[in-house]
PDB file of all heavy atoms in Angstrom:
ATOM      1  N   GLU A   1     144.979 -48.722 -95.430  1.00  0.00           N
ATOM      2  CA  GLU A   1     145.353 -49.866 -96.239  1.00  0.00           C
ATOM      3  C   GLU A   1     145.397 -49.507 -97.722  1.00  0.00           C
ATOM      4  O   GLU A   1     146.301 -49.944 -98.458  1.00  0.00           O
ATOM      5  CB  GLU A   1     144.372 -51.023 -96.005  1.00  0.00           C
ATOM      6  CG  GLU A   1     144.775 -52.281 -96.786  1.00  0.00           C
ATOM      7  CD  GLU A   1     143.828 -53.453 -96.509  1.00  0.00           C
ATOM      8  OE1 GLU A   1     143.018 -53.358 -95.564  1.00  0.00           O
ATOM      9  OE2 GLU A   1     143.900 -54.437 -97.247  1.00  0.00           O
ATOM     10  N   ALA A   2     144.425 -48.702 -98.167  1.00  0.00           N
ATOM     11  CA  ALA A   2     144.419 -48.315 -99.584  1.00  0.00           C
ATOM     12  C   ALA A   2     145.655 -47.467 -99.927  1.00  0.00           C
ATOM     13  O   ALA A   2     146.214 -47.567-101.014  1.00  0.00           O
ATOM     14  CB  ALA A   2     143.143 -47.513 -99.899  1.00  0.00           C
ATOM     15  N   ILE A   3     146.071 -46.615 -98.979  1.00  0.00           N
ATOM     16  CA  ILE A   3     147.283 -45.823 -99.189  1.00  0.00           C
ATOM     17  C   ILE A   3     148.505 -46.758 -99.254  1.00  0.00           C
ATOM     18  O   ILE A   3     149.347 -46.641-100.146  1.00  0.00           O
ATOM     19  CB  ILE A   3     147.449 -44.780 -98.055  1.00  0.00           C
ATOM     20  CG1 ILE A   3     146.310 -43.748 -98.157  1.00  0.00           C
ATOM     21  CG2 ILE A   3     148.801 -44.084 -98.175  1.00  0.00           C
ATOM     22  CD1 ILE A   3     146.220 -42.855 -96.919  1.00  0.00           C
ATOM     23  N   ALA A   4     148.621 -47.681 -98.304  1.00  0.00           N
ATOM     24  CA  ALA A   4     149.772 -48.589 -98.249  1.00  0.00           C
ATOM     25  C   ALA A   4     149.864 -49.402 -99.535  1.00  0.00           C
ATOM     26  O   ALA A   4     150.975 -49.651-100.054  1.00  0.00           O
ATOM     27  CB  ALA A   4     149.657 -49.501 -97.039  1.00  0.00           C
ATOM     28  N   ARG A   5     148.732 -49.828-100.051  1.00  0.00           N
ATOM     29  CA  ARG A   5     148.755 -50.614-101.312  1.00  0.00           C
ATOM     30  C   ARG A   5     149.378 -49.828-102.450  1.00  0.00           C
ATOM     31  O   ARG A   5     150.166 -50.378-103.239  1.00  0.00           O
ATOM     32  CB  ARG A   5     147.306 -51.022-101.645  1.00  0.00           C
ATOM     33  CG  ARG A   5     147.193 -52.047-102.797  1.00  0.00           C
ATOM     34  CD  ARG A   5     145.756 -52.497-102.948  1.00  0.00           C
ATOM     35  NE  ARG A   5     145.244 -53.115-101.743  1.00  0.00           N
ATOM     36  CZ  ARG A   5     145.527 -54.362-101.339  1.00  0.00           C
ATOM     37  NH1 ARG A   5     146.295 -55.123-102.109  1.00  0.00           N
ATOM     38  NH2 ARG A   5     145.008 -54.829-100.229  1.00  0.00           N
ATOM     39  N   ARG A   6     149.067 -48.580-102.541  1.00  0.00           N
ATOM     40  CA  ARG A   6     149.626 -47.753-103.617  1.00  0.00           C
ATOM     41  C   ARG A   6     151.092 -47.388-103.373  1.00  0.00           C
ATOM     42  O   ARG A   6     151.902 -47.341-104.295  1.00  0.00           O
ATOM     43  CB  ARG A   6     148.763 -46.500-103.818  1.00  0.00           C
ATOM     44  CG  ARG A   6     147.463 -46.862-104.537  1.00  0.00           C
ATOM     45  CD  ARG A   6     146.294 -45.986-104.164  1.00  0.00           C
ATOM     46  NE  ARG A   6     145.088 -46.427-104.842  1.00  0.00           N
ATOM     47  CZ  ARG A   6     144.345 -47.476-104.425  1.00  0.00           C
ATOM     48  NH1 ARG A   6     144.675 -48.138-103.332  1.00  0.00           N
ATOM     49  NH2 ARG A   6     143.285 -47.861-105.119  1.00  0.00           N
ATOM     50  N   VAL A   7     151.425 -47.151-102.124  1.00  0.00           N
ATOM     51  CA  VAL A   7     152.800 -46.832-101.787  1.00  0.00           C
ATOM     52  C   VAL A   7     153.717 -48.019-102.098  1.00  0.00           C
ATOM     53  O   VAL A   7     154.810 -47.841-102.691  1.00  0.00           O
ATOM     54  CB  VAL A   7     152.917 -46.481-100.278  1.00  0.00           C
ATOM     55  CG1 VAL A   7     154.364 -46.390 -99.833  1.00  0.00           C
ATOM     56  CG2 VAL A   7     152.200 -45.162-100.004  1.00  0.00           C
ATOM     57  N   LYS A   8     153.279 -49.247-101.774  1.00  0.00           N
ATOM     58  CA  LYS A   8     154.098 -50.406-102.060  1.00  0.00           C
ATOM     59  C   LYS A   8     154.232 -50.629-103.544  1.00  0.00           C
ATOM     60  O   LYS A   8     155.273 -51.149-104.026  1.00  0.00           O
ATOM     61  CB  LYS A   8     153.521 -51.661-101.410  1.00  0.00           C
ATOM     62  CG  LYS A   8     153.589 -51.666 -99.879  1.00  0.00           C
ATOM     63  CD  LYS A   8     154.999 -51.490 -99.394  1.00  0.00           C
ATOM     64  CE  LYS A   8     155.891 -52.660 -99.671  1.00  0.00           C
ATOM     65  NZ  LYS A   8     157.266 -52.474 -99.107  1.00  0.00           N
ATOM     66  N   ALA A   9     153.233 -50.253-104.313  1.00  0.00           N
ATOM     67  CA  ALA A   9     153.332 -50.390-105.793  1.00  0.00           C
ATOM     68  C   ALA A   9     154.457 -49.516-106.347  1.00  0.00           C
ATOM     69  O   ALA A   9     155.025 -49.841-107.406  1.00  0.00           O
ATOM     70  CB  ALA A   9     151.983 -50.005-106.417  1.00  0.00           C
ATOM     71  N   PHE A  10     154.774 -48.428-105.660  1.00  0.00           N
ATOM     72  CA  PHE A  10     155.878 -47.553-106.067  1.00  0.00           C
ATOM     73  C   PHE A  10     157.220 -48.071-105.543  1.00  0.00           C
ATOM     74  O   PHE A  10     158.261 -47.511-105.890  1.00  0.00           O
ATOM     75  CB  PHE A  10     155.645 -46.139-105.570  1.00  0.00           C
ATOM     76  CG  PHE A  10     154.775 -45.309-106.447  1.00  0.00           C
ATOM     77  CD1 PHE A  10     153.398 -45.365-106.324  1.00  0.00           C
ATOM     78  CD2 PHE A  10     155.326 -44.461-107.390  1.00  0.00           C
ATOM     79  CE1 PHE A  10     152.578 -44.571-107.123  1.00  0.00           C
ATOM     80  CE2 PHE A  10     154.518 -43.662-108.197  1.00  0.00           C
ATOM     81  CZ  PHE A  10     153.115 -43.731-108.068  1.00  0.00           C
ATOM     82  N   GLY A  11     157.226 -49.101-104.709  1.00  0.00           N
ATOM     83  CA  GLY A  11     158.461 -49.650-104.203  1.00  0.00           C
ATOM     84  C   GLY A  11     158.991 -49.015-102.952  1.00  0.00           C
ATOM     85  O   GLY A  11     160.131 -49.283-102.540  1.00  0.00           O
ATOM     86  N   ALA A  12     158.221 -48.188-102.288  1.00  0.00           N
ATOM     87  CA  ALA A  12     158.648 -47.536-101.039  1.00  0.00           C
ATOM     88  C   ALA A  12     158.485 -48.520 -99.886  1.00  0.00           C
ATOM     89  O   ALA A  12     157.875 -49.573 -99.985  1.00  0.00           O
ATOM     90  CB  ALA A  12     157.807 -46.291-100.804  1.00  0.00           C
ATOM     91  N   THR A  13     159.073 -48.145 -98.740  1.00  0.00           N
ATOM     92  CA  THR A  13     158.904 -48.926 -97.516  1.00  0.00           C
ATOM     93  C   THR A  13     157.787 -48.334 -96.702  1.00  0.00           C
ATOM     94  O   THR A  13     157.582 -47.112 -96.699  1.00  0.00           O
ATOM     95  CB  THR A  13     160.182 -48.987 -96.689  1.00  0.00           C
ATOM     96  OG1 THR A  13     160.570 -47.651 -96.325  1.00  0.00           O
ATOM     97  CG2 THR A  13     161.310 -49.636 -97.474  1.00  0.00           C
ATOM     98  N   THR A  14     157.059 -49.184 -95.980  1.00  0.00           N
ATOM     99  CA  THR A  14     155.914 -48.709 -95.219  1.00  0.00           C
ATOM    100  C   THR A  14     155.963 -49.180 -93.793  1.00  0.00           C
ATOM    101  O   THR A  14     156.265 -50.344 -93.498  1.00  0.00           O
ATOM    102  CB  THR A  14     154.583 -49.268 -95.839  1.00  0.00           C
ATOM    103  OG1 THR A  14     154.655 -50.685 -95.920  1.00  0.00           O
ATOM    104  CG2 THR A  14     154.347 -48.702 -97.216  1.00  0.00           C
ATOM    105  N   ALA A  15     155.716 -48.244 -92.902  1.00  0.00           N
ATOM    106  CA  ALA A  15     155.477 -48.566 -91.488  1.00  0.00           C
ATOM    107  C   ALA A  15     154.103 -48.053 -91.139  1.00  0.00           C
ATOM    108  O   ALA A  15     153.632 -47.038 -91.716  1.00  0.00           O
ATOM    109  CB  ALA A  15     156.515 -47.907 -90.600  1.00  0.00           C
ATOM    110  N   VAL A  16     153.402 -48.742 -90.255  1.00  0.00           N
ATOM    111  CA  VAL A  16     152.064 -48.294 -89.888  1.00  0.00           C
ATOM    112  C   VAL A  16     151.909 -48.303 -88.369  1.00  0.00           C
ATOM    113  O   VAL A  16     152.561 -49.102 -87.647  1.00  0.00           O
ATOM    114  CB  VAL A  16     150.957 -49.179 -90.522  1.00  0.00           C
ATOM    115  CG1 VAL A  16     151.093 -49.196 -92.041  1.00  0.00           C
ATOM    116  CG2 VAL A  16     150.956 -50.589 -89.963  1.00  0.00           C
ATOM    117  N   VAL A  17     151.050 -47.438 -87.913  1.00  0.00           N
ATOM    118  CA  VAL A  17     150.601 -47.448 -86.512  1.00  0.00           C
ATOM    119  C   VAL A  17     149.166 -47.941 -86.529  1.00  0.00           C
ATOM    120  O   VAL A  17     148.309 -47.360 -87.196  1.00  0.00           O
ATOM    121  CB  VAL A  17     150.702 -46.065 -85.878  1.00  0.00           C
ATOM    122  CG1 VAL A  17     149.984 -46.033 -84.534  1.00  0.00           C
ATOM    123  CG2 VAL A  17     152.157 -45.630 -85.713  1.00  0.00           C
ATOM    124  N   ARG A  18     148.926 -49.027 -85.810  1.00  0.00           N
ATOM    125  CA  ARG A  18     147.596 -49.664 -85.793  1.00  0.00           C
ATOM    126  C   ARG A  18     147.368 -50.259 -84.413  1.00  0.00           C
ATOM    127  O   ARG A  18     148.202 -50.156 -83.520  1.00  0.00           O
ATOM    128  CB  ARG A  18     147.518 -50.739 -86.894  1.00  0.00           C
ATOM    129  CG  ARG A  18     148.545 -51.851 -86.698  1.00  0.00           C
ATOM    130  CD  ARG A  18     148.652 -52.776 -87.896  1.00  0.00           C
ATOM    131  NE  ARG A  18     147.373 -53.364 -88.256  1.00  0.00           N
ATOM    132  CZ  ARG A  18     147.268 -54.306 -89.219  1.00  0.00           C
ATOM    133  NH1 ARG A  18     148.322 -54.747 -89.864  1.00  0.00           N
ATOM    134  NH2 ARG A  18     146.064 -54.808 -89.483  1.00  0.00           N
ATOM    135  N   ARG A  19     146.221 -50.864 -84.217  1.00  0.00           N
ATOM    136  CA  ARG A  19     145.869 -51.383 -82.886  1.00  0.00           C
ATOM    137  C   ARG A  19     146.761 -52.543 -82.473  1.00  0.00           C
ATOM    138  O   ARG A  19     147.027 -52.754 -81.301  1.00  0.00           O
ATOM    139  CB  ARG A  19     144.399 -51.797 -82.846  1.00  0.00           C
ATOM    140  CG  ARG A  19     143.447 -50.637 -82.975  1.00  0.00           C
ATOM    141  CD  ARG A  19     142.017 -51.067 -82.747  1.00  0.00           C
ATOM    142  NE  ARG A  19     141.096 -49.960 -82.956  1.00  0.00           N
ATOM    143  CZ  ARG A  19     140.517 -49.692 -84.125  1.00  0.00           C
ATOM    144  NH1 ARG A  19     140.777 -50.445 -85.170  1.00  0.00           N
ATOM    145  NH2 ARG A  19     139.706 -48.678 -84.260  1.00  0.00           N
ATOM    146  N   SER A  20     147.195 -53.366 -83.444  1.00  0.00           N
ATOM    147  CA  SER A  20     148.072 -54.466 -83.149  1.00  0.00           C
ATOM    148  C   SER A  20     149.262 -54.414 -84.108  1.00  0.00           C
ATOM    149  O   SER A  20     149.069 -54.100 -85.285  1.00  0.00           O
ATOM    150  CB  SER A  20     147.347 -55.816 -83.263  1.00  0.00           C
ATOM    151  OG  SER A  20     146.901 -56.008 -84.595  1.00  0.00           O
ATOM    152  N   PRO A  21     150.490 -54.716 -83.643  1.00  0.00           N
ATOM    153  CA  PRO A  21     151.670 -54.561 -84.499  1.00  0.00           C
ATOM    154  C   PRO A  21     151.873 -55.703 -85.494  1.00  0.00           C
ATOM    155  O   PRO A  21     152.880 -56.393 -85.480  1.00  0.00           O
ATOM    156  CB  PRO A  21     152.791 -54.519 -83.448  1.00  0.00           C
ATOM    157  CG  PRO A  21     152.297 -55.351 -82.309  1.00  0.00           C
ATOM    158  CD  PRO A  21     150.811 -55.113 -82.271  1.00  0.00           C
ATOM    159  N   ARG A  22     150.894 -55.884 -86.382  1.00  0.00           N
ATOM    160  CA  ARG A  22     150.980 -56.946 -87.385  1.00  0.00           C
ATOM    161  C   ARG A  22     151.530 -56.392 -88.700  1.00  0.00           C
ATOM    162  O   ARG A  22     151.084 -55.357 -89.160  1.00  0.00           O
ATOM    163  CB  ARG A  22     149.611 -57.572 -87.646  1.00  0.00           C
ATOM    164  CG  ARG A  22     149.013 -58.300 -86.450  1.00  0.00           C
ATOM    165  CD  ARG A  22     147.834 -59.182 -86.862  1.00  0.00           C
ATOM    166  NE  ARG A  22     146.873 -58.439 -87.668  1.00  0.00           N
ATOM    167  CZ  ARG A  22     145.843 -57.744 -87.151  1.00  0.00           C
ATOM    168  NH1 ARG A  22     145.662 -57.678 -85.845  1.00  0.00           N
ATOM    169  NH2 ARG A  22     144.994 -57.137 -87.952  1.00  0.00           N
ATOM    170  N   THR A  23     152.433 -57.121 -89.310  1.00  0.00           N
ATOM    171  CA  THR A  23     152.947 -56.753 -90.624  1.00  0.00           C
ATOM    172  C   THR A  23     152.227 -57.595 -91.675  1.00  0.00           C
ATOM    173  O   THR A  23     151.436 -58.490 -91.357  1.00  0.00           O
ATOM    174  CB  THR A  23     154.476 -56.986 -90.717  1.00  0.00           C
ATOM    175  OG1 THR A  23     154.746 -58.346 -90.429  1.00  0.00           O
ATOM    176  CG2 THR A  23     155.203 -56.095 -89.727  1.00  0.00           C
ATOM    177  N   SER A  24     152.500 -57.302 -92.961  1.00  0.00           N
ATOM    178  CA  SER A  24     151.866 -58.018 -94.059  1.00  0.00           C
ATOM    179  C   SER A  24     152.677 -57.729 -95.316  1.00  0.00           C
ATOM    180  O   SER A  24     153.738 -57.104 -95.265  1.00  0.00           O
ATOM    181  CB  SER A  24     150.430 -57.541 -94.241  1.00  0.00           C
ATOM    182  OG  SER A  24     150.393 -56.216 -94.733  1.00  0.00           O
ATOM    183  N   ASP A  25     152.160 -58.180 -96.450  1.00  0.00           N
ATOM    184  CA  ASP A  25     152.821 -57.886 -97.726  1.00  0.00           C
ATOM    185  C   ASP A  25     152.869 -56.371 -97.981  1.00  0.00           C
ATOM    186  O   ASP A  25     153.742 -55.898 -98.730  1.00  0.00           O
ATOM    187  CB  ASP A  25     152.077 -58.573 -98.880  1.00  0.00           C
ATOM    188  CG  ASP A  25     152.231 -60.095 -98.847  1.00  0.00           C
ATOM    189  OD1 ASP A  25     153.149 -60.560 -98.128  1.00  0.00           O
ATOM    190  OD2 ASP A  25     151.454 -60.791 -99.494  1.00  0.00           O
TER     191      ASP A  25
END
């Protein structure tokens, strides 16, 4: 999550693999 927060601040797109396929901001 900490990585995704910084990646989104740069304007990149993010996909994640997690236990449940939930998206967020």
